[in-house]
């Protein structure tokens, strides 16, 4: 499943409402209410403090508008575009109290998602000049998978399966529980629709040989293999299976893995280890 960008606001609003409820609680922003006159109006700028790739502007806009739909917003750096330190990503004008009340939720989303997009862009740059595509995994923050996977797209990457219900990926524990590679592939072939592809994980060349001999798979996930073994596996599977390398896929290793000719590199680090991009709201 690949998420379109931008997603409909309707799909994102529940996430943002939950975050606003968490922050505002039952009593709202008591600090702002105590010290800021209701009539005060300001123009604020959401600025980048670091270089990176922008993501989360759509969600930041939703956050401010849920607090006060009369706020005037202008997105200066769209999701998926590069930013440099000091760049203004968005301007917000209107009620000072509303801007202050929505600030943290907007920044939390935008900083987190821009960090994912920026890390993804770094992975994509390392694979430049090859046909290898960078893809994420299901190692996402619970409840935020939709927006984190969209941030990967903003960074130039692609999406792996969205969840357990939209693709078949037979992993090592499935193989162990079912009794072996031949058993799981035979069972999968007998039960899946002709519209559904089957991916299976292997971690040795001997397992890949068994997959090729058995048939029934469309994609093979080459897990935690050395670079020489990956190169050999790609040769073995050429013209027979789509290849995906996974496991220990750190930024500094991407170029050499992509050079093996693998079709995809998947990395959970894109979503579970991305550093938040430093953003700030300045009045």
C-alpha atoms as a PDB file:
ATOM      1  CA  UNK A   1       0.000   0.000   0.000  1.00  0.00           C
ATOM      2  CA  UNK A   2       1.380   3.416  -0.974  1.00  0.00           C
ATOM      3  CA  UNK A   3      -0.087   6.520   0.609  1.00  0.00           C
ATOM      4  CA  UNK A   4      -0.973   9.416  -1.617  1.00  0.00           C
ATOM      5  CA  UNK A   5       0.276  12.829  -0.624  1.00  0.00           C
ATOM      6  CA  UNK A   6      -1.408  14.785   0.697  1.00  0.00           C
ATOM      7  CA  UNK A   7      -3.868  12.573   2.515  1.00  0.00           C
ATOM      8  CA  UNK A   8      -7.422  13.846   3.001  1.00  0.00           C
ATOM      9  CA  UNK A   9      -7.685  16.053   6.096  1.00  0.00           C
ATOM     10  CA  UNK A  10     -10.561  13.827   7.232  1.00  0.00           C
ATOM     11  CA  UNK A  11      -8.143  10.926   7.810  1.00  0.00           C
ATOM     12  CA  UNK A  12      -5.655  13.046   9.756  1.00  0.00           C
ATOM     13  CA  UNK A  13      -8.008  15.036  11.967  1.00  0.00           C
ATOM     14  CA  UNK A  14      -8.609  12.226  14.522  1.00  0.00           C
ATOM     15  CA  UNK A  15      -4.847  11.942  15.153  1.00  0.00           C
ATOM     16  CA  UNK A  16      -4.517  15.677  15.628  1.00  0.00           C
ATOM     17  CA  UNK A  17      -7.633  15.930  17.814  1.00  0.00           C
ATOM     18  CA  UNK A  18      -6.246  13.210  20.094  1.00  0.00           C
ATOM     19  CA  UNK A  19      -2.939  15.060  20.410  1.00  0.00           C
ATOM     20  CA  UNK A  20      -4.677  18.359  21.157  1.00  0.00           C
ATOM     21  CA  UNK A  21      -6.855  16.674  23.780  1.00  0.00           C
ATOM     22  CA  UNK A  22      -3.750  15.174  25.379  1.00  0.00           C
ATOM     23  CA  UNK A  23      -2.101  18.622  25.541  1.00  0.00           C
ATOM     24  CA  UNK A  24      -5.069  20.812  26.454  1.00  0.00           C
ATOM     25  CA  UNK A  25      -6.719  18.374  28.849  1.00  0.00           C
ATOM     26  CA  UNK A  26      -9.959  19.370  30.548  1.00  0.00           C
ATOM     27  CA  UNK A  27      -9.051  22.980  31.323  1.00  0.00           C
ATOM     28  CA  UNK A  28      -7.347  24.138  28.135  1.00  0.00           C
ATOM     29  CA  UNK A  29      -4.237  26.315  28.018  1.00  0.00           C
ATOM     30  CA  UNK A  30      -4.447  27.925  31.451  1.00  0.00           C
ATOM     31  CA  UNK A  31      -1.129  29.780  31.076  1.00  0.00           C
ATOM     32  CA  UNK A  32      -2.158  31.512  27.877  1.00  0.00           C
ATOM     33  CA  UNK A  33      -5.619  32.247  29.228  1.00  0.00           C
ATOM     34  CA  UNK A  34      -4.077  33.867  32.310  1.00  0.00           C
ATOM     35  CA  UNK A  35      -1.539  36.134  30.615  1.00  0.00           C
ATOM     36  CA  UNK A  36      -2.612  36.779  26.997  1.00  0.00           C
ATOM     37  CA  UNK A  37      -5.536  39.119  26.273  1.00  0.00           C
ATOM     38  CA  UNK A  38      -8.230  37.490  24.169  1.00  0.00           C
ATOM     39  CA  UNK A  39      -7.977  40.395  21.730  1.00  0.00           C
ATOM     40  CA  UNK A  40      -4.226  40.031  21.126  1.00  0.00           C
ATOM     41  CA  UNK A  41      -3.264  39.242  17.543  1.00  0.00           C
ATOM     42  CA  UNK A  42       0.172  38.205  16.285  1.00  0.00           C
ATOM     43  CA  UNK A  43       1.947  36.821  13.273  1.00  0.00           C
ATOM     44  CA  UNK A  44       4.129  33.801  13.991  1.00  0.00           C
ATOM     45  CA  UNK A  45       6.601  31.922  11.840  1.00  0.00           C
ATOM     46  CA  UNK A  46       7.308  28.203  11.996  1.00  0.00           C
ATOM     47  CA  UNK A  47      11.035  28.151  11.239  1.00  0.00           C
ATOM     48  CA  UNK A  48      13.608  25.436  10.578  1.00  0.00           C
ATOM     49  CA  UNK A  49      16.623  25.386  12.869  1.00  0.00           C
ATOM     50  CA  UNK A  50      18.284  22.530  10.956  1.00  0.00           C
ATOM     51  CA  UNK A  51      18.592  21.523   7.305  1.00  0.00           C
ATOM     52  CA  UNK A  52      16.384  18.685   6.181  1.00  0.00           C
ATOM     53  CA  UNK A  53      13.288  17.627   4.272  1.00  0.00           C
ATOM     54  CA  UNK A  54       9.922  18.992   5.329  1.00  0.00           C
ATOM     55  CA  UNK A  55       7.010  16.805   6.384  1.00  0.00           C
ATOM     56  CA  UNK A  56       4.025  17.471   8.609  1.00  0.00           C
ATOM     57  CA  UNK A  57       2.970  20.871   7.284  1.00  0.00           C
ATOM     58  CA  UNK A  58      -0.456  19.533   6.441  1.00  0.00           C
ATOM     59  CA  UNK A  59      -0.856  18.227   9.990  1.00  0.00           C
ATOM     60  CA  UNK A  60       0.462  21.459  11.537  1.00  0.00           C
ATOM     61  CA  UNK A  61      -2.125  23.382   9.527  1.00  0.00           C
ATOM     62  CA  UNK A  62      -4.877  21.061  10.765  1.00  0.00           C
ATOM     63  CA  UNK A  63      -3.713  21.506  14.377  1.00  0.00           C
ATOM     64  CA  UNK A  64      -3.868  25.301  14.239  1.00  0.00           C
ATOM     65  CA  UNK A  65      -7.204  25.302  12.434  1.00  0.00           C
ATOM     66  CA  UNK A  66      -8.770  22.881  14.911  1.00  0.00           C
ATOM     67  CA  UNK A  67      -7.836  25.306  17.697  1.00  0.00           C
ATOM     68  CA  UNK A  68      -9.086  28.322  15.723  1.00  0.00           C
ATOM     69  CA  UNK A  69     -10.428  28.011  12.173  1.00  0.00           C
ATOM     70  CA  UNK A  70     -10.056  31.774  11.647  1.00  0.00           C
ATOM     71  CA  UNK A  71      -6.260  31.665  11.809  1.00  0.00           C
ATOM     72  CA  UNK A  72      -4.629  32.681   8.527  1.00  0.00           C
ATOM     73  CA  UNK A  73      -1.968  30.182   7.483  1.00  0.00           C
ATOM     74  CA  UNK A  74       0.468  30.159   4.613  1.00  0.00           C
ATOM     75  CA  UNK A  75       2.675  27.138   3.941  1.00  0.00           C
ATOM     76  CA  UNK A  76       5.982  28.397   2.554  1.00  0.00           C
ATOM     77  CA  UNK A  77       7.731  25.023   2.331  1.00  0.00           C
ATOM     78  CA  UNK A  78       5.493  22.181   1.203  1.00  0.00           C
ATOM     79  CA  UNK A  79       5.837  18.631   2.470  1.00  0.00           C
ATOM     80  CA  UNK A  80       8.586  16.880   0.528  1.00  0.00           C
ATOM     81  CA  UNK A  81      10.694  19.993  -0.089  1.00  0.00           C
ATOM     82  CA  UNK A  82      14.141  20.773   1.302  1.00  0.00           C
ATOM     83  CA  UNK A  83      14.756  23.381   3.977  1.00  0.00           C
ATOM     84  CA  UNK A  84      17.805  25.136   5.377  1.00  0.00           C
ATOM     85  CA  UNK A  85      18.395  26.621   8.835  1.00  0.00           C
ATOM     86  CA  UNK A  86      16.391  29.823   9.152  1.00  0.00           C
ATOM     87  CA  UNK A  87      13.867  28.962   6.463  1.00  0.00           C
ATOM     88  CA  UNK A  88      10.262  29.813   7.275  1.00  0.00           C
ATOM     89  CA  UNK A  89       8.085  26.786   6.654  1.00  0.00           C
ATOM     90  CA  UNK A  90       4.745  28.318   7.609  1.00  0.00           C
ATOM     91  CA  UNK A  91       3.303  31.619   8.788  1.00  0.00           C
ATOM     92  CA  UNK A  92       0.336  31.798  11.147  1.00  0.00           C
ATOM     93  CA  UNK A  93      -1.554  35.028  11.786  1.00  0.00           C
ATOM     94  CA  UNK A  94      -4.479  35.746  14.090  1.00  0.00           C
ATOM     95  CA  UNK A  95      -5.351  35.150  17.728  1.00  0.00           C
ATOM     96  CA  UNK A  96      -2.159  34.975  19.781  1.00  0.00           C
ATOM     97  CA  UNK A  97      -3.873  32.704  22.291  1.00  0.00           C
ATOM     98  CA  UNK A  98      -4.920  30.219  19.601  1.00  0.00           C
ATOM     99  CA  UNK A  99      -1.428  30.151  18.074  1.00  0.00           C
ATOM    100  CA  UNK A 100       0.148  29.469  21.468  1.00  0.00           C
ATOM    101  CA  UNK A 101      -2.374  26.749  22.292  1.00  0.00           C
ATOM    102  CA  UNK A 102      -1.730  24.857  19.049  1.00  0.00           C
ATOM    103  CA  UNK A 103       2.029  25.426  18.931  1.00  0.00           C
ATOM    104  CA  UNK A 104       3.336  22.303  20.674  1.00  0.00           C
ATOM    105  CA  UNK A 105       1.122  19.795  18.883  1.00  0.00           C
ATOM    106  CA  UNK A 106       1.964  21.343  15.511  1.00  0.00           C
ATOM    107  CA  UNK A 107       5.695  21.324  16.273  1.00  0.00           C
ATOM    108  CA  UNK A 108       5.667  17.788  17.685  1.00  0.00           C
ATOM    109  CA  UNK A 109       4.129  16.396  14.515  1.00  0.00           C
ATOM    110  CA  UNK A 110       6.150  18.527  12.105  1.00  0.00           C
ATOM    111  CA  UNK A 111       9.482  17.926  13.823  1.00  0.00           C
ATOM    112  CA  UNK A 112       8.968  14.168  14.121  1.00  0.00           C
ATOM    113  CA  UNK A 113       7.768  13.716  10.556  1.00  0.00           C
ATOM    114  CA  UNK A 114      10.411  16.027   9.081  1.00  0.00           C
ATOM    115  CA  UNK A 115      13.039  13.957  10.888  1.00  0.00           C
ATOM    116  CA  UNK A 116      11.729  10.795   9.217  1.00  0.00           C
ATOM    117  CA  UNK A 117      11.621  12.476   5.807  1.00  0.00           C
ATOM    118  CA  UNK A 118      15.156  13.811   6.265  1.00  0.00           C
ATOM    119  CA  UNK A 119      16.618  10.442   7.285  1.00  0.00           C
ATOM    120  CA  UNK A 120      14.831   8.770   4.380  1.00  0.00           C
ATOM    121  CA  UNK A 121      16.293  11.336   1.982  1.00  0.00           C
ATOM    122  CA  UNK A 122      19.753  10.441   3.275  1.00  0.00           C
ATOM    123  CA  UNK A 123      19.160   6.743   2.567  1.00  0.00           C
ATOM    124  CA  UNK A 124      17.814   7.555  -0.901  1.00  0.00           C
ATOM    125  CA  UNK A 125      20.878   9.669  -1.663  1.00  0.00           C
ATOM    126  CA  UNK A 126      23.174   6.768  -0.745  1.00  0.00           C
ATOM    127  CA  UNK A 127      21.382   4.532  -3.285  1.00  0.00           C
ATOM    128  CA  UNK A 128      21.533   7.137  -6.056  1.00  0.00           C
ATOM    129  CA  UNK A 129      22.758   5.770  -9.374  1.00  0.00           C
ATOM    130  CA  UNK A 130      21.280   2.313  -8.740  1.00  0.00           C
ATOM    131  CA  UNK A 131      17.771   0.976  -9.311  1.00  0.00           C
ATOM    132  CA  UNK A 132      17.408   0.108  -5.625  1.00  0.00           C
ATOM    133  CA  UNK A 133      14.448   1.656  -3.822  1.00  0.00           C
ATOM    134  CA  UNK A 134      14.397   2.510  -0.135  1.00  0.00           C
ATOM    135  CA  UNK A 135      11.365   1.352   1.823  1.00  0.00           C
ATOM    136  CA  UNK A 136      10.144   1.487   5.408  1.00  0.00           C
ATOM    137  CA  UNK A 137       8.722  -1.256   7.639  1.00  0.00           C
ATOM    138  CA  UNK A 138       5.973  -1.729  10.248  1.00  0.00           C
ATOM    139  CA  UNK A 139       8.305  -0.494  13.007  1.00  0.00           C
ATOM    140  CA  UNK A 140       6.305   2.665  13.485  1.00  0.00           C
ATOM    141  CA  UNK A 141       4.952   4.588  16.466  1.00  0.00           C
ATOM    142  CA  UNK A 142       1.627   2.986  17.489  1.00  0.00           C
ATOM    143  CA  UNK A 143      -1.221   5.056  16.110  1.00  0.00           C
ATOM    144  CA  UNK A 144       1.003   7.128  13.810  1.00  0.00           C
ATOM    145  CA  UNK A 145       1.811   4.607  11.078  1.00  0.00           C
ATOM    146  CA  UNK A 146      -0.171   6.441   8.405  1.00  0.00           C
ATOM    147  CA  UNK A 147       1.648   9.760   8.835  1.00  0.00           C
ATOM    148  CA  UNK A 148       5.072   8.212   9.440  1.00  0.00           C
ATOM    149  CA  UNK A 149       4.809   6.183   6.249  1.00  0.00           C
ATOM    150  CA  UNK A 150       3.707   9.312   4.425  1.00  0.00           C
ATOM    151  CA  UNK A 151       6.820  11.078   5.765  1.00  0.00           C
ATOM    152  CA  UNK A 152       8.939   8.320   4.200  1.00  0.00           C
ATOM    153  CA  UNK A 153       7.355   9.163   0.848  1.00  0.00           C
ATOM    154  CA  UNK A 154       8.101  12.854   1.424  1.00  0.00           C
ATOM    155  CA  UNK A 155      11.746  11.849   1.832  1.00  0.00           C
ATOM    156  CA  UNK A 156      11.784  10.036  -1.516  1.00  0.00           C
ATOM    157  CA  UNK A 157      11.304   6.527  -0.156  1.00  0.00           C
ATOM    158  CA  UNK A 158       8.518   4.028  -0.711  1.00  0.00           C
ATOM    159  CA  UNK A 159       6.183   2.067   1.539  1.00  0.00           C
ATOM    160  CA  UNK A 160       6.376  -1.584   2.472  1.00  0.00           C
ATOM    161  CA  UNK A 161       3.136  -3.282   3.536  1.00  0.00           C
ATOM    162  CA  UNK A 162       0.932  -1.072   5.658  1.00  0.00           C
ATOM    163  CA  UNK A 163      -0.180  -3.837   8.013  1.00  0.00           C
ATOM    164  CA  UNK A 164      -0.702  -7.540   8.468  1.00  0.00           C
ATOM    165  CA  UNK A 165      -3.902  -7.471   6.424  1.00  0.00           C
ATOM    166  CA  UNK A 166      -2.672  -6.141   3.087  1.00  0.00           C
ATOM    167  CA  UNK A 167       0.284  -8.346   2.091  1.00  0.00           C
ATOM    168  CA  UNK A 168       1.763 -11.769   2.798  1.00  0.00           C
ATOM    169  CA  UNK A 169       5.228 -11.796   4.319  1.00  0.00           C
ATOM    170  CA  UNK A 170       6.343 -15.191   5.618  1.00  0.00           C
ATOM    171  CA  UNK A 171       9.025 -14.633   8.254  1.00  0.00           C
ATOM    172  CA  UNK A 172      11.363 -16.935  10.159  1.00  0.00           C
ATOM    173  CA  UNK A 173       8.886 -17.587  12.959  1.00  0.00           C
ATOM    174  CA  UNK A 174       6.181 -18.560  10.456  1.00  0.00           C
ATOM    175  CA  UNK A 175       8.621 -20.998   8.866  1.00  0.00           C
ATOM    176  CA  UNK A 176       9.577 -22.474  12.236  1.00  0.00           C
ATOM    177  CA  UNK A 177       5.965 -22.818  13.392  1.00  0.00           C
ATOM    178  CA  UNK A 178       4.781 -24.346  10.115  1.00  0.00           C
ATOM    179  CA  UNK A 179       7.606 -26.857   9.822  1.00  0.00           C
ATOM    180  CA  UNK A 180       9.777 -25.442   7.060  1.00  0.00           C
ATOM    181  CA  UNK A 181      10.041 -23.424   3.874  1.00  0.00           C
ATOM    182  CA  UNK A 182       8.398 -26.015   1.646  1.00  0.00           C
ATOM    183  CA  UNK A 183       5.453 -26.318   4.005  1.00  0.00           C
ATOM    184  CA  UNK A 184       4.757 -22.568   4.278  1.00  0.00           C
ATOM    185  CA  UNK A 185       5.072 -21.925   0.541  1.00  0.00           C
ATOM    186  CA  UNK A 186       2.834 -24.871  -0.301  1.00  0.00           C
ATOM    187  CA  UNK A 187       0.221 -23.651   2.177  1.00  0.00           C
ATOM    188  CA  UNK A 188       0.421 -20.064   0.969  1.00  0.00           C
ATOM    189  CA  UNK A 189       0.064 -21.071  -2.668  1.00  0.00           C
ATOM    190  CA  UNK A 190      -3.053 -23.062  -1.844  1.00  0.00           C
ATOM    191  CA  UNK A 191      -4.763 -20.282   0.075  1.00  0.00           C
ATOM    192  CA  UNK A 192      -3.958 -16.919  -1.487  1.00  0.00           C
ATOM    193  CA  UNK A 193      -5.730 -15.095  -4.282  1.00  0.00           C
ATOM    194  CA  UNK A 194      -4.035 -14.858  -7.655  1.00  0.00           C
ATOM    195  CA  UNK A 195      -4.001 -11.085  -7.018  1.00  0.00           C
ATOM    196  CA  UNK A 196      -1.779 -11.413  -3.930  1.00  0.00           C
ATOM    197  CA  UNK A 197       2.000 -11.619  -4.034  1.00  0.00           C
ATOM    198  CA  UNK A 198       3.901 -13.774  -1.555  1.00  0.00           C
ATOM    199  CA  UNK A 199       7.132 -12.669   0.097  1.00  0.00           C
ATOM    200  CA  UNK A 200       9.309 -14.985   2.179  1.00  0.00           C
ATOM    201  CA  UNK A 201      12.251 -14.242   4.443  1.00  0.00           C
ATOM    202  CA  UNK A 202      15.520 -16.175   4.249  1.00  0.00           C
ATOM    203  CA  UNK A 203      18.816 -15.643   6.006  1.00  0.00           C
ATOM    204  CA  UNK A 204      21.043 -18.142   4.186  1.00  0.00           C
ATOM    205  CA  UNK A 205      21.782 -18.976   0.577  1.00  0.00           C
ATOM    206  CA  UNK A 206      20.719 -22.569   1.275  1.00  0.00           C
ATOM    207  CA  UNK A 207      17.263 -21.329   2.278  1.00  0.00           C
ATOM    208  CA  UNK A 208      17.087 -19.268  -0.896  1.00  0.00           C
ATOM    209  CA  UNK A 209      17.905 -22.379  -2.927  1.00  0.00           C
ATOM    210  CA  UNK A 210      14.982 -24.171  -1.262  1.00  0.00           C
ATOM    211  CA  UNK A 211      12.650 -21.247  -2.016  1.00  0.00           C
ATOM    212  CA  UNK A 212      13.672 -21.300  -5.683  1.00  0.00           C
ATOM    213  CA  UNK A 213      13.242 -25.053  -5.886  1.00  0.00           C
ATOM    214  CA  UNK A 214       9.829 -25.020  -4.206  1.00  0.00           C
ATOM    215  CA  UNK A 215       8.310 -22.063  -6.037  1.00  0.00           C
ATOM    216  CA  UNK A 216       5.282 -20.133  -4.886  1.00  0.00           C
ATOM    217  CA  UNK A 217       7.107 -16.956  -3.849  1.00  0.00           C
ATOM    218  CA  UNK A 218       7.234 -13.650  -5.712  1.00  0.00           C
ATOM    219  CA  UNK A 219       9.584 -11.715  -3.439  1.00  0.00           C
ATOM    220  CA  UNK A 220      12.419 -12.820  -1.186  1.00  0.00           C
ATOM    221  CA  UNK A 221      13.533 -10.880   1.867  1.00  0.00           C
ATOM    222  CA  UNK A 222      17.264 -11.379   2.373  1.00  0.00           C
ATOM    223  CA  UNK A 223      17.667 -10.893   6.101  1.00  0.00           C
ATOM    224  CA  UNK A 224      20.894  -9.928   7.863  1.00  0.00           C
ATOM    225  CA  UNK A 225      23.139 -11.210   5.090  1.00  0.00           C
ATOM    226  CA  UNK A 226      26.683 -10.076   4.486  1.00  0.00           C
ATOM    227  CA  UNK A 227      27.236  -7.928   1.412  1.00  0.00           C
ATOM    228  CA  UNK A 228      28.962 -10.753  -0.520  1.00  0.00           C
ATOM    229  CA  UNK A 229      26.077 -13.101   0.276  1.00  0.00           C
ATOM    230  CA  UNK A 230      23.589 -10.452  -0.817  1.00  0.00           C
ATOM    231  CA  UNK A 231      25.387 -10.117  -4.147  1.00  0.00           C
ATOM    232  CA  UNK A 232      25.280 -13.881  -4.621  1.00  0.00           C
ATOM    233  CA  UNK A 233      21.605 -14.036  -3.630  1.00  0.00           C
ATOM    234  CA  UNK A 234      20.710 -11.335  -6.159  1.00  0.00           C
ATOM    235  CA  UNK A 235      22.396 -13.378  -8.898  1.00  0.00           C
ATOM    236  CA  UNK A 236      20.574 -16.541  -7.837  1.00  0.00           C
ATOM    237  CA  UNK A 237      17.188 -14.802  -7.809  1.00  0.00           C
ATOM    238  CA  UNK A 238      17.649 -12.701 -10.954  1.00  0.00           C
ATOM    239  CA  UNK A 239      14.653 -13.022 -13.244  1.00  0.00           C
ATOM    240  CA  UNK A 240      12.874 -15.262 -10.747  1.00  0.00           C
ATOM    241  CA  UNK A 241      12.205 -13.238  -7.604  1.00  0.00           C
ATOM    242  CA  UNK A 242      12.108  -9.604  -6.562  1.00  0.00           C
ATOM    243  CA  UNK A 243      14.820  -9.102  -3.934  1.00  0.00           C
ATOM    244  CA  UNK A 244      14.679  -7.109  -0.728  1.00  0.00           C
ATOM    245  CA  UNK A 245      17.598  -6.634   1.666  1.00  0.00           C
ATOM    246  CA  UNK A 246      16.799  -6.033   5.319  1.00  0.00           C
ATOM    247  CA  UNK A 247      18.448  -6.204   8.718  1.00  0.00           C
ATOM    248  CA  UNK A 248      21.326  -3.976   9.854  1.00  0.00           C
ATOM    249  CA  UNK A 249      20.576  -1.523   7.056  1.00  0.00           C
ATOM    250  CA  UNK A 250      22.319   1.520   8.461  1.00  0.00           C
ATOM    251  CA  UNK A 251      22.983   4.678   6.480  1.00  0.00           C
ATOM    252  CA  UNK A 252      26.694   3.988   6.068  1.00  0.00           C
ATOM    253  CA  UNK A 253      25.981   0.577   4.505  1.00  0.00           C
ATOM    254  CA  UNK A 254      23.309   1.567   1.980  1.00  0.00           C
ATOM    255  CA  UNK A 255      25.621   2.380  -0.942  1.00  0.00           C
ATOM    256  CA  UNK A 256      27.415  -0.980  -0.882  1.00  0.00           C
ATOM    257  CA  UNK A 257      24.163  -2.918  -0.470  1.00  0.00           C
ATOM    258  CA  UNK A 258      22.504  -1.030  -3.343  1.00  0.00           C
ATOM    259  CA  UNK A 259      25.538  -1.839  -5.494  1.00  0.00           C
ATOM    260  CA  UNK A 260      24.694  -5.552  -5.230  1.00  0.00           C
ATOM    261  CA  UNK A 261      21.691  -4.923  -7.491  1.00  0.00           C
ATOM    262  CA  UNK A 262      19.048  -5.672  -4.858  1.00  0.00           C
ATOM    263  CA  UNK A 263      15.619  -4.277  -5.791  1.00  0.00           C
ATOM    264  CA  UNK A 264      14.653  -2.918  -2.383  1.00  0.00           C
ATOM    265  CA  UNK A 265      16.333  -2.044   0.885  1.00  0.00           C
ATOM    266  CA  UNK A 266      13.967  -1.952   3.858  1.00  0.00           C
ATOM    267  CA  UNK A 267      14.929  -0.315   7.113  1.00  0.00           C
ATOM    268  CA  UNK A 268      12.991   0.052  10.336  1.00  0.00           C
ATOM    269  CA  UNK A 269      15.415   2.810  11.341  1.00  0.00           C
ATOM    270  CA  UNK A 270      13.649   5.215   8.998  1.00  0.00           C
ATOM    271  CA  UNK A 271      10.743   5.407  11.421  1.00  0.00           C
ATOM    272  CA  UNK A 272      12.020   4.109  14.755  1.00  0.00           C
ATOM    273  CA  UNK A 273      15.377   5.885  14.914  1.00  0.00           C
ATOM    274  CA  UNK A 274      14.923   9.162  13.041  1.00  0.00           C
ATOM    275  CA  UNK A 275      16.053  12.235  14.965  1.00  0.00           C
ATOM    276  CA  UNK A 276      13.420  14.951  15.224  1.00  0.00           C
ATOM    277  CA  UNK A 277      14.216  17.919  12.996  1.00  0.00           C
ATOM    278  CA  UNK A 278      14.662  21.031  15.113  1.00  0.00           C
ATOM    279  CA  UNK A 279      11.808  23.422  14.348  1.00  0.00           C
ATOM    280  CA  UNK A 280      10.633  26.455  16.282  1.00  0.00           C
ATOM    281  CA  UNK A 281       7.715  28.872  16.360  1.00  0.00           C
ATOM    282  CA  UNK A 282       8.841  32.485  16.534  1.00  0.00           C
ATOM    283  CA  UNK A 283       6.558  35.453  17.208  1.00  0.00           C
END
